[in-house]
N, C-alpha and C. Protein backbone atom coordinates (compact mmCIF):
# COMPACT_ATOMS: atom_id res chain seq x y z
N MET A 1 0.84 -1.18 0.00
CA MET A 1 0.00 0.00 0.00
C MET A 1 0.89 1.24 0.00
N THR A 2 0.60 2.17 -0.86
CA THR A 2 1.40 3.38 -0.92
C THR A 2 1.02 4.31 0.22
N LYS A 3 1.88 5.29 0.45
CA LYS A 3 1.66 6.25 1.53
C LYS A 3 0.37 7.05 1.32
N ALA A 4 0.06 7.43 0.10
CA ALA A 4 -1.15 8.20 -0.20
C ALA A 4 -2.40 7.35 0.07
N ARG A 5 -2.32 6.06 -0.26
CA ARG A 5 -3.47 5.18 -0.02
C ARG A 5 -3.67 4.94 1.47
N LYS A 6 -2.56 4.87 2.25
CA LYS A 6 -2.67 4.68 3.70
C LYS A 6 -3.36 5.88 4.33
N ILE A 7 -3.00 7.08 3.90
CA ILE A 7 -3.62 8.29 4.45
C ILE A 7 -5.11 8.31 4.11
N THR A 8 -5.46 7.98 2.87
CA THR A 8 -6.85 7.95 2.47
C THR A 8 -7.62 6.91 3.27
N TYR A 9 -7.05 5.74 3.50
CA TYR A 9 -7.67 4.68 4.27
C TYR A 9 -7.95 5.16 5.70
N TRP A 10 -6.98 5.80 6.32
CA TRP A 10 -7.18 6.29 7.70
C TRP A 10 -8.16 7.47 7.74
N ASN A 11 -8.13 8.32 6.73
CA ASN A 11 -9.10 9.41 6.66
C ASN A 11 -10.52 8.85 6.55
N PHE A 12 -10.69 7.81 5.75
CA PHE A 12 -12.00 7.19 5.61
C PHE A 12 -12.47 6.60 6.94
N ARG A 13 -11.58 5.92 7.66
CA ARG A 13 -11.95 5.33 8.95
C ARG A 13 -12.30 6.42 9.97
N LEU A 14 -11.54 7.49 9.96
CA LEU A 14 -11.82 8.61 10.86
C LEU A 14 -13.16 9.25 10.50
N TYR A 15 -13.42 9.45 9.24
CA TYR A 15 -14.69 10.01 8.78
C TYR A 15 -15.85 9.11 9.21
N LEU A 16 -15.72 7.80 9.03
CA LEU A 16 -16.76 6.85 9.41
C LEU A 16 -17.00 6.89 10.91
N LEU A 17 -15.96 6.99 11.69
CA LEU A 17 -16.08 7.09 13.14
C LEU A 17 -16.82 8.36 13.55
N LEU A 18 -16.49 9.48 12.93
CA LEU A 18 -17.15 10.74 13.24
C LEU A 18 -18.65 10.70 12.88
N VAL A 19 -18.97 10.07 11.77
CA VAL A 19 -20.38 9.93 11.38
C VAL A 19 -21.14 9.11 12.40
N LEU A 20 -20.55 7.99 12.84
CA LEU A 20 -21.21 7.15 13.84
C LEU A 20 -21.41 7.89 15.16
N VAL A 21 -20.40 8.61 15.61
CA VAL A 21 -20.50 9.37 16.86
C VAL A 21 -21.57 10.44 16.73
N SER A 22 -21.60 11.14 15.61
CA SER A 22 -22.61 12.20 15.44
C SER A 22 -24.02 11.64 15.39
N LEU A 23 -24.19 10.41 14.92
CA LEU A 23 -25.51 9.78 14.92
C LEU A 23 -25.94 9.37 16.33
N LEU A 24 -24.98 9.00 17.15
CA LEU A 24 -25.30 8.54 18.51
C LEU A 24 -25.49 9.68 19.50
N LEU A 25 -24.84 10.80 19.29
CA LEU A 25 -24.91 11.90 20.26
C LEU A 25 -26.29 12.49 20.47
N PRO A 26 -27.12 12.68 19.46
CA PRO A 26 -28.43 13.28 19.73
C PRO A 26 -29.28 12.48 20.71
N GLY A 27 -29.09 11.17 20.80
CA GLY A 27 -29.85 10.35 21.74
C GLY A 27 -29.34 10.44 23.16
N CYS A 28 -28.22 11.10 23.39
CA CYS A 28 -27.63 11.14 24.73
C CYS A 28 -28.15 12.29 25.57
N GLY A 29 -28.73 13.30 25.00
CA GLY A 29 -29.13 14.46 25.79
C GLY A 29 -30.60 14.43 26.11
N GLY A 30 -31.03 15.45 26.83
CA GLY A 30 -32.45 15.60 27.12
C GLY A 30 -32.90 14.77 28.30
N LYS A 31 -34.20 14.81 28.54
CA LYS A 31 -34.79 14.09 29.66
C LYS A 31 -35.24 12.73 29.16
N THR A 32 -34.36 11.75 29.23
CA THR A 32 -34.74 10.41 28.81
C THR A 32 -35.46 9.73 29.97
N GLY A 33 -36.32 8.81 29.64
CA GLY A 33 -37.05 8.08 30.66
C GLY A 33 -38.07 8.92 31.38
N VAL A 34 -38.66 9.91 30.69
CA VAL A 34 -39.62 10.81 31.33
C VAL A 34 -40.85 10.98 30.44
N TYR A 35 -42.02 10.92 31.07
CA TYR A 35 -43.27 11.28 30.41
C TYR A 35 -43.85 12.47 31.16
N LEU A 36 -44.30 13.48 30.45
CA LEU A 36 -44.89 14.67 31.05
C LEU A 36 -46.11 15.07 30.24
N ASP A 37 -47.27 15.15 30.89
CA ASP A 37 -48.50 15.56 30.23
C ASP A 37 -48.45 17.08 30.05
N SER A 38 -48.31 17.52 28.82
CA SER A 38 -48.15 18.95 28.55
C SER A 38 -49.42 19.75 28.81
N SER A 39 -50.57 19.09 28.87
CA SER A 39 -51.82 19.81 29.11
C SER A 39 -52.11 20.01 30.59
N MET A 40 -51.30 19.42 31.48
CA MET A 40 -51.55 19.51 32.91
C MET A 40 -50.99 20.81 33.48
N ASP A 41 -51.77 21.47 34.32
CA ASP A 41 -51.32 22.67 35.03
C ASP A 41 -50.79 22.23 36.40
N PHE A 42 -49.49 22.08 36.50
CA PHE A 42 -48.89 21.61 37.75
C PHE A 42 -48.97 22.66 38.86
N GLY A 43 -49.27 23.90 38.51
CA GLY A 43 -49.46 24.94 39.51
C GLY A 43 -50.72 24.74 40.34
N ALA A 44 -51.63 23.91 39.84
CA ALA A 44 -52.87 23.63 40.57
C ALA A 44 -52.70 22.55 41.63
N VAL A 45 -51.53 21.94 41.69
CA VAL A 45 -51.28 20.88 42.67
C VAL A 45 -50.72 21.51 43.95
N HIS A 46 -51.48 21.38 45.04
CA HIS A 46 -51.08 21.96 46.32
C HIS A 46 -50.80 20.92 47.39
N SER A 47 -51.33 19.72 47.22
CA SER A 47 -51.06 18.64 48.18
C SER A 47 -51.05 17.31 47.43
N VAL A 48 -50.15 16.44 47.86
CA VAL A 48 -50.00 15.14 47.23
C VAL A 48 -49.86 14.06 48.30
N ALA A 49 -50.07 12.83 47.87
CA ALA A 49 -49.85 11.66 48.72
C ALA A 49 -48.84 10.77 48.02
N VAL A 50 -47.97 10.16 48.80
CA VAL A 50 -47.03 9.18 48.25
C VAL A 50 -47.50 7.82 48.74
N MET A 51 -47.98 7.02 47.81
CA MET A 51 -48.51 5.70 48.13
C MET A 51 -47.37 4.74 48.46
N PRO A 52 -47.67 3.64 49.16
CA PRO A 52 -46.65 2.62 49.37
C PRO A 52 -46.11 2.14 48.03
N LEU A 53 -44.79 2.01 47.94
CA LEU A 53 -44.14 1.65 46.69
C LEU A 53 -44.07 0.14 46.53
N ALA A 54 -44.14 -0.33 45.29
CA ALA A 54 -43.94 -1.74 45.00
C ALA A 54 -42.46 -2.05 45.15
N ASN A 55 -42.15 -3.18 45.73
CA ASN A 55 -40.77 -3.56 46.01
C ASN A 55 -40.44 -4.85 45.27
N LEU A 56 -39.57 -4.76 44.27
CA LEU A 56 -39.15 -5.93 43.50
C LEU A 56 -37.77 -6.42 43.92
N THR A 57 -37.29 -5.99 45.09
CA THR A 57 -35.94 -6.32 45.53
C THR A 57 -35.98 -7.35 46.67
N ARG A 58 -34.79 -7.81 47.05
CA ARG A 58 -34.66 -8.73 48.19
C ARG A 58 -34.76 -7.99 49.52
N GLU A 59 -34.45 -6.70 49.52
CA GLU A 59 -34.46 -5.88 50.73
C GLU A 59 -35.89 -5.53 51.11
N GLN A 60 -36.37 -6.06 52.23
CA GLN A 60 -37.78 -5.87 52.61
C GLN A 60 -38.13 -4.43 52.94
N GLN A 61 -37.21 -3.65 53.47
CA GLN A 61 -37.49 -2.28 53.87
C GLN A 61 -37.18 -1.25 52.79
N ALA A 62 -36.78 -1.69 51.60
CA ALA A 62 -36.37 -0.76 50.54
C ALA A 62 -37.48 0.22 50.18
N ALA A 63 -38.70 -0.26 50.01
CA ALA A 63 -39.80 0.61 49.58
C ALA A 63 -40.08 1.69 50.63
N ASP A 64 -40.09 1.31 51.91
CA ASP A 64 -40.36 2.29 52.97
C ASP A 64 -39.25 3.34 53.05
N ARG A 65 -38.01 2.90 52.91
CA ARG A 65 -36.88 3.84 52.97
C ARG A 65 -36.93 4.84 51.83
N VAL A 66 -37.15 4.34 50.62
CA VAL A 66 -37.18 5.22 49.46
C VAL A 66 -38.39 6.15 49.52
N ARG A 67 -39.51 5.63 49.95
CA ARG A 67 -40.72 6.46 50.08
C ARG A 67 -40.49 7.62 51.05
N ASP A 68 -39.82 7.35 52.17
CA ASP A 68 -39.53 8.40 53.15
C ASP A 68 -38.62 9.47 52.55
N VAL A 69 -37.56 9.03 51.87
CA VAL A 69 -36.63 9.98 51.25
C VAL A 69 -37.33 10.79 50.17
N PHE A 70 -38.15 10.14 49.35
CA PHE A 70 -38.86 10.83 48.28
C PHE A 70 -39.83 11.87 48.84
N SER A 71 -40.59 11.49 49.86
CA SER A 71 -41.56 12.42 50.45
C SER A 71 -40.88 13.66 51.00
N THR A 72 -39.80 13.46 51.74
CA THR A 72 -39.07 14.58 52.33
C THR A 72 -38.46 15.47 51.26
N ALA A 73 -37.81 14.86 50.27
CA ALA A 73 -37.16 15.64 49.21
C ALA A 73 -38.19 16.38 48.36
N PHE A 74 -39.33 15.76 48.09
CA PHE A 74 -40.36 16.41 47.29
C PHE A 74 -40.90 17.64 48.00
N MET A 75 -41.20 17.50 49.28
CA MET A 75 -41.74 18.63 50.03
C MET A 75 -40.70 19.74 50.14
N ALA A 76 -39.43 19.37 50.35
CA ALA A 76 -38.37 20.37 50.50
C ALA A 76 -38.10 21.13 49.20
N SER A 77 -38.21 20.45 48.07
CA SER A 77 -37.84 21.10 46.82
C SER A 77 -39.01 21.76 46.10
N SER A 78 -40.24 21.40 46.45
CA SER A 78 -41.38 21.95 45.71
C SER A 78 -42.25 22.89 46.52
N GLY A 79 -42.25 22.75 47.83
CA GLY A 79 -43.14 23.54 48.66
C GLY A 79 -44.57 23.03 48.64
N ILE A 80 -44.79 21.89 47.99
CA ILE A 80 -46.11 21.25 47.95
C ILE A 80 -46.24 20.33 49.16
N TYR A 81 -47.39 20.39 49.80
CA TYR A 81 -47.61 19.60 51.02
C TYR A 81 -47.76 18.12 50.68
N VAL A 82 -47.03 17.29 51.41
CA VAL A 82 -47.13 15.84 51.29
C VAL A 82 -47.83 15.32 52.54
N ILE A 83 -48.98 14.67 52.36
CA ILE A 83 -49.71 14.23 53.54
C ILE A 83 -48.94 13.10 54.23
N PRO A 84 -49.03 13.02 55.57
CA PRO A 84 -48.27 12.02 56.33
C PRO A 84 -48.66 10.58 55.98
N PRO A 85 -47.76 9.64 56.19
CA PRO A 85 -48.04 8.23 55.87
C PRO A 85 -49.27 7.67 56.59
N GLY A 86 -49.53 8.11 57.81
CA GLY A 86 -50.72 7.65 58.52
C GLY A 86 -52.00 8.05 57.83
N GLU A 87 -52.03 9.29 57.32
CA GLU A 87 -53.20 9.76 56.57
C GLU A 87 -53.35 9.00 55.26
N VAL A 88 -52.22 8.66 54.65
CA VAL A 88 -52.26 7.87 53.42
C VAL A 88 -52.87 6.50 53.70
N MET A 89 -52.44 5.85 54.80
CA MET A 89 -52.98 4.53 55.14
C MET A 89 -54.47 4.61 55.45
N ARG A 90 -54.88 5.64 56.16
CA ARG A 90 -56.31 5.81 56.45
C ARG A 90 -57.10 5.99 55.15
N GLY A 91 -56.56 6.78 54.22
CA GLY A 91 -57.23 6.97 52.93
C GLY A 91 -57.30 5.68 52.13
N ILE A 92 -56.26 4.86 52.21
CA ILE A 92 -56.25 3.57 51.51
C ILE A 92 -57.36 2.67 52.06
N VAL A 93 -57.45 2.61 53.38
CA VAL A 93 -58.47 1.78 54.02
C VAL A 93 -59.87 2.31 53.70
N ASN A 94 -60.09 3.62 53.85
CA ASN A 94 -61.41 4.22 53.59
C ASN A 94 -61.83 4.10 52.13
N SER A 95 -60.87 4.11 51.23
CA SER A 95 -61.17 4.01 49.79
C SER A 95 -61.21 2.56 49.30
N SER A 96 -60.89 1.63 50.19
CA SER A 96 -60.90 0.19 49.86
C SER A 96 -60.01 -0.12 48.66
N ILE A 97 -58.80 0.40 48.68
CA ILE A 97 -57.85 0.16 47.59
C ILE A 97 -57.20 -1.20 47.79
N ALA A 98 -57.38 -2.08 46.81
CA ALA A 98 -56.86 -3.45 46.92
C ALA A 98 -55.34 -3.50 46.84
N ASN A 99 -54.77 -2.76 45.90
CA ASN A 99 -53.32 -2.77 45.70
C ASN A 99 -52.83 -1.32 45.72
N PRO A 100 -52.39 -0.81 46.88
CA PRO A 100 -52.01 0.61 46.98
C PRO A 100 -50.85 1.04 46.08
N SER A 101 -49.99 0.09 45.69
CA SER A 101 -48.85 0.48 44.86
C SER A 101 -49.25 0.68 43.39
N SER A 102 -50.42 0.18 43.00
CA SER A 102 -50.91 0.43 41.64
C SER A 102 -52.43 0.50 41.64
N PRO A 103 -52.97 1.61 42.13
CA PRO A 103 -54.43 1.76 42.20
C PRO A 103 -55.05 2.02 40.81
N THR A 104 -56.32 1.68 40.69
CA THR A 104 -57.04 1.96 39.45
C THR A 104 -57.40 3.45 39.41
N SER A 105 -57.84 3.93 38.27
CA SER A 105 -58.23 5.34 38.13
C SER A 105 -59.37 5.69 39.08
N ASP A 106 -60.35 4.81 39.19
CA ASP A 106 -61.47 5.07 40.10
C ASP A 106 -61.02 5.12 41.55
N GLU A 107 -60.10 4.23 41.91
CA GLU A 107 -59.56 4.23 43.28
C GLU A 107 -58.79 5.51 43.56
N VAL A 108 -58.06 6.00 42.57
CA VAL A 108 -57.29 7.25 42.73
C VAL A 108 -58.25 8.41 43.00
N VAL A 109 -59.30 8.51 42.21
CA VAL A 109 -60.27 9.60 42.38
C VAL A 109 -60.92 9.52 43.76
N LYS A 110 -61.31 8.33 44.17
CA LYS A 110 -61.94 8.14 45.48
C LYS A 110 -60.97 8.47 46.61
N PHE A 111 -59.72 8.03 46.47
CA PHE A 111 -58.70 8.29 47.49
C PHE A 111 -58.43 9.79 47.62
N CYS A 112 -58.27 10.47 46.49
CA CYS A 112 -57.95 11.90 46.52
C CYS A 112 -59.10 12.72 47.10
N LYS A 113 -60.35 12.29 46.87
CA LYS A 113 -61.49 12.97 47.48
C LYS A 113 -61.47 12.76 48.99
N ALA A 114 -61.17 11.54 49.42
CA ALA A 114 -61.18 11.21 50.85
C ALA A 114 -60.07 11.93 51.61
N THR A 115 -58.90 12.09 50.97
CA THR A 115 -57.75 12.71 51.65
C THR A 115 -57.58 14.18 51.30
N LYS A 116 -58.42 14.69 50.41
CA LYS A 116 -58.35 16.08 49.97
C LYS A 116 -56.97 16.42 49.38
N THR A 117 -56.48 15.53 48.53
CA THR A 117 -55.22 15.76 47.83
C THR A 117 -55.49 15.98 46.35
N ASP A 118 -54.56 16.68 45.70
CA ASP A 118 -54.71 16.99 44.29
C ASP A 118 -54.12 15.92 43.38
N ALA A 119 -53.16 15.17 43.90
CA ALA A 119 -52.49 14.14 43.11
C ALA A 119 -51.85 13.13 44.05
N LEU A 120 -51.40 12.03 43.47
CA LEU A 120 -50.66 11.06 44.27
C LEU A 120 -49.53 10.47 43.45
N PHE A 121 -48.56 9.92 44.16
CA PHE A 121 -47.41 9.27 43.53
C PHE A 121 -47.48 7.78 43.80
N THR A 122 -47.20 7.00 42.78
CA THR A 122 -46.98 5.57 42.94
C THR A 122 -45.60 5.27 42.38
N GLY A 123 -45.06 4.12 42.70
CA GLY A 123 -43.74 3.81 42.19
C GLY A 123 -43.32 2.38 42.41
N VAL A 124 -42.18 2.04 41.82
CA VAL A 124 -41.61 0.70 41.90
C VAL A 124 -40.13 0.81 42.19
N ILE A 125 -39.66 0.03 43.16
CA ILE A 125 -38.22 -0.09 43.41
C ILE A 125 -37.76 -1.38 42.72
N ARG A 126 -36.94 -1.24 41.68
CA ARG A 126 -36.51 -2.41 40.90
C ARG A 126 -35.24 -3.03 41.45
N GLU A 127 -34.32 -2.19 41.90
CA GLU A 127 -33.07 -2.68 42.49
C GLU A 127 -32.74 -1.83 43.70
N TYR A 128 -32.21 -2.47 44.72
CA TYR A 128 -31.83 -1.74 45.93
C TYR A 128 -30.86 -2.61 46.71
N GLY A 129 -29.67 -2.13 46.91
CA GLY A 129 -28.68 -2.90 47.66
C GLY A 129 -27.40 -3.07 46.87
N ASP A 130 -26.65 -4.09 47.24
CA ASP A 130 -25.35 -4.28 46.60
C ASP A 130 -25.48 -5.13 45.35
N VAL A 131 -24.60 -4.81 44.41
CA VAL A 131 -24.51 -5.54 43.16
C VAL A 131 -23.05 -5.95 42.98
N ARG A 132 -22.82 -7.10 42.40
CA ARG A 132 -21.46 -7.63 42.24
C ARG A 132 -21.11 -7.74 40.77
N SER A 133 -19.89 -7.36 40.46
CA SER A 133 -19.35 -7.53 39.12
C SER A 133 -17.92 -8.04 39.28
N GLY A 134 -17.72 -9.31 39.03
CA GLY A 134 -16.41 -9.92 39.28
C GLY A 134 -16.17 -9.95 40.77
N THR A 135 -15.07 -9.35 41.20
CA THR A 135 -14.75 -9.30 42.63
C THR A 135 -15.20 -8.00 43.28
N ALA A 136 -15.66 -7.06 42.47
CA ALA A 136 -16.06 -5.75 43.00
C ALA A 136 -17.56 -5.74 43.34
N THR A 137 -17.88 -5.04 44.44
CA THR A 137 -19.29 -4.85 44.81
C THR A 137 -19.54 -3.36 45.04
N ALA A 138 -20.76 -2.94 44.82
CA ALA A 138 -21.15 -1.55 45.07
C ALA A 138 -22.66 -1.51 45.26
N ASN A 139 -23.14 -0.43 45.84
CA ASN A 139 -24.57 -0.25 46.04
C ASN A 139 -25.21 0.33 44.79
N VAL A 140 -26.47 -0.04 44.56
CA VAL A 140 -27.21 0.44 43.40
C VAL A 140 -28.67 0.62 43.79
N ILE A 141 -29.32 1.58 43.16
CA ILE A 141 -30.77 1.75 43.27
C ILE A 141 -31.31 2.05 41.89
N SER A 142 -32.44 1.41 41.57
CA SER A 142 -33.14 1.67 40.33
C SER A 142 -34.62 1.75 40.66
N MET A 143 -35.25 2.83 40.27
CA MET A 143 -36.64 3.06 40.65
C MET A 143 -37.37 3.84 39.58
N SER A 144 -38.70 3.76 39.61
CA SER A 144 -39.52 4.60 38.75
C SER A 144 -40.71 5.09 39.56
N MET A 145 -41.16 6.30 39.26
CA MET A 145 -42.28 6.91 39.96
C MET A 145 -43.23 7.50 38.92
N GLN A 146 -44.49 7.60 39.30
CA GLN A 146 -45.46 8.30 38.45
C GLN A 146 -46.37 9.13 39.32
N MET A 147 -46.81 10.25 38.74
CA MET A 147 -47.73 11.16 39.42
C MET A 147 -49.07 11.04 38.72
N ILE A 148 -50.13 10.86 39.52
CA ILE A 148 -51.47 10.65 38.98
C ILE A 148 -52.37 11.77 39.49
N GLU A 149 -53.10 12.40 38.58
CA GLU A 149 -54.00 13.49 38.94
C GLU A 149 -55.19 12.94 39.71
N GLY A 150 -55.61 13.67 40.75
CA GLY A 150 -56.67 13.20 41.63
C GLY A 150 -58.07 13.31 41.07
N GLN A 151 -58.33 14.22 40.15
CA GLN A 151 -59.69 14.40 39.64
C GLN A 151 -60.04 13.40 38.55
N THR A 152 -59.04 13.01 37.76
CA THR A 152 -59.31 12.13 36.62
C THR A 152 -58.70 10.73 36.77
N GLY A 153 -57.71 10.59 37.64
CA GLY A 153 -57.00 9.32 37.76
C GLY A 153 -56.06 9.06 36.62
N LYS A 154 -55.65 10.12 35.94
CA LYS A 154 -54.79 10.02 34.76
C LYS A 154 -53.33 10.27 35.14
N VAL A 155 -52.42 9.50 34.56
CA VAL A 155 -50.99 9.69 34.79
C VAL A 155 -50.56 10.98 34.11
N ILE A 156 -49.97 11.89 34.89
CA ILE A 156 -49.55 13.17 34.33
C ILE A 156 -48.03 13.32 34.27
N TRP A 157 -47.32 12.44 34.98
CA TRP A 157 -45.86 12.45 34.93
C TRP A 157 -45.36 11.08 35.28
N SER A 158 -44.30 10.67 34.64
CA SER A 158 -43.66 9.39 34.96
C SER A 158 -42.16 9.53 34.66
N GLY A 159 -41.36 9.00 35.55
CA GLY A 159 -39.91 9.07 35.35
C GLY A 159 -39.21 7.92 36.05
N ASP A 160 -37.99 7.67 35.65
CA ASP A 160 -37.19 6.63 36.31
C ASP A 160 -35.78 7.14 36.55
N ALA A 161 -35.11 6.48 37.49
CA ALA A 161 -33.75 6.88 37.83
C ALA A 161 -32.98 5.66 38.32
N THR A 162 -31.70 5.64 38.00
CA THR A 162 -30.78 4.61 38.47
C THR A 162 -29.51 5.29 38.92
N GLN A 163 -29.03 4.93 40.09
CA GLN A 163 -27.78 5.49 40.61
C GLN A 163 -26.96 4.37 41.22
N GLY A 164 -25.65 4.60 41.27
CA GLY A 164 -24.73 3.65 41.88
C GLY A 164 -24.28 2.60 40.89
N GLY A 165 -23.92 1.45 41.41
CA GLY A 165 -23.42 0.37 40.59
C GLY A 165 -21.91 0.31 40.61
N VAL A 166 -21.38 -0.72 40.02
CA VAL A 166 -19.94 -0.94 39.99
C VAL A 166 -19.34 -0.13 38.86
N GLY A 167 -18.49 0.83 39.20
CA GLY A 167 -17.83 1.66 38.21
C GLY A 167 -16.41 1.18 37.96
N MET A 168 -15.73 1.88 37.07
CA MET A 168 -14.36 1.51 36.72
C MET A 168 -13.44 1.61 37.93
N SER A 169 -13.60 2.65 38.75
CA SER A 169 -12.73 2.80 39.92
C SER A 169 -12.96 1.68 40.93
N ASP A 170 -14.20 1.21 41.05
CA ASP A 170 -14.48 0.08 41.94
C ASP A 170 -13.81 -1.18 41.44
N ARG A 171 -13.79 -1.36 40.12
CA ARG A 171 -13.14 -2.56 39.56
C ARG A 171 -11.63 -2.50 39.72
N LEU A 172 -11.07 -1.30 39.52
CA LEU A 172 -9.61 -1.19 39.56
C LEU A 172 -9.07 -1.06 40.97
N LEU A 173 -9.75 -0.27 41.81
CA LEU A 173 -9.22 0.05 43.13
C LEU A 173 -9.93 -0.66 44.27
N GLY A 174 -11.02 -1.33 43.96
CA GLY A 174 -11.80 -1.97 45.02
C GLY A 174 -12.72 -0.96 45.67
N GLY A 175 -13.17 -1.27 46.84
CA GLY A 175 -14.11 -0.38 47.52
C GLY A 175 -15.53 -0.78 47.23
N GLY A 176 -16.45 -0.23 47.96
CA GLY A 176 -17.84 -0.64 47.83
C GLY A 176 -18.72 0.40 47.20
N GLY A 177 -18.17 1.40 46.56
CA GLY A 177 -19.00 2.44 45.99
C GLY A 177 -19.51 3.38 47.07
N GLN A 178 -20.52 4.15 46.75
CA GLN A 178 -21.08 5.11 47.70
C GLN A 178 -22.09 4.43 48.62
N PRO A 179 -22.29 5.00 49.81
CA PRO A 179 -23.29 4.43 50.73
C PRO A 179 -24.69 4.47 50.11
N LEU A 180 -25.53 3.54 50.54
CA LEU A 180 -26.86 3.39 49.98
C LEU A 180 -27.73 4.63 50.19
N ASN A 181 -27.60 5.28 51.34
CA ASN A 181 -28.41 6.48 51.56
C ASN A 181 -28.02 7.61 50.62
N VAL A 182 -26.75 7.71 50.25
CA VAL A 182 -26.28 8.74 49.33
C VAL A 182 -26.83 8.52 47.93
N ILE A 183 -26.74 7.28 47.45
CA ILE A 183 -27.24 7.03 46.09
C ILE A 183 -28.78 7.07 46.05
N THR A 184 -29.44 6.76 47.17
CA THR A 184 -30.90 6.89 47.22
C THR A 184 -31.29 8.35 47.06
N GLU A 185 -30.61 9.24 47.79
CA GLU A 185 -30.89 10.67 47.66
C GLU A 185 -30.59 11.16 46.25
N LYS A 186 -29.51 10.69 45.65
CA LYS A 186 -29.17 11.09 44.28
C LYS A 186 -30.25 10.66 43.30
N ALA A 187 -30.75 9.43 43.45
CA ALA A 187 -31.79 8.93 42.55
C ALA A 187 -33.07 9.74 42.71
N VAL A 188 -33.43 10.05 43.96
CA VAL A 188 -34.64 10.83 44.21
C VAL A 188 -34.52 12.22 43.63
N TYR A 189 -33.39 12.89 43.84
CA TYR A 189 -33.22 14.24 43.30
C TYR A 189 -33.12 14.22 41.77
N ASP A 190 -32.62 13.13 41.21
CA ASP A 190 -32.63 12.99 39.76
C ASP A 190 -34.07 12.94 39.24
N LEU A 191 -34.93 12.19 39.93
CA LEU A 191 -36.36 12.15 39.56
C LEU A 191 -37.01 13.51 39.70
N LEU A 192 -36.71 14.20 40.80
CA LEU A 192 -37.32 15.52 41.00
C LEU A 192 -36.86 16.53 39.98
N ARG A 193 -35.61 16.45 39.52
CA ARG A 193 -35.14 17.32 38.44
C ARG A 193 -35.94 17.05 37.17
N LYS A 194 -36.26 15.78 36.92
CA LYS A 194 -37.03 15.44 35.74
C LYS A 194 -38.47 15.93 35.85
N LEU A 195 -38.98 16.03 37.07
CA LEU A 195 -40.34 16.51 37.29
C LEU A 195 -40.42 18.01 37.18
N PHE A 196 -39.47 18.73 37.81
CA PHE A 196 -39.52 20.19 37.84
C PHE A 196 -38.67 20.78 36.74
């Protein structure tokens, strides 16, 4: 191969690489993993309830821990009143909700009338705790939440977040990653950024 052909060959490979990168970059930005009802007036929401979360993990207390962090962070960052867990349980019982982690539209409307809330949150904890990759371990949380309007029972916002996991530094240097409470707060604030 002559020197001119080698340069052309490498220029072609570089050009092909740049084209591939430019095609992949537009999918990397923006709010991925988020649904937002553009017709909803979120300024009309003054009080919300956070329902018990579905727990798909081995950790039995994961849903309660994440629910507590989410409720506190939501009230602190939005100024919207979050009704206490006891009031939520009373509303669940009074509304005869069979599955509080995924209520039907009619159950949502009935619950919101009984508790005088404008909306409620439901969610799922998919992963919570330590994860192993080779010899390295680290904490991880993966969750999704949705906000449901109280008058119609319609989903007006939905988002998901994942934090933690085994990174390159954990593989190379060892260590257990960040503490679970830190990554839980990061995941919750990531969700709230997607909401607000």
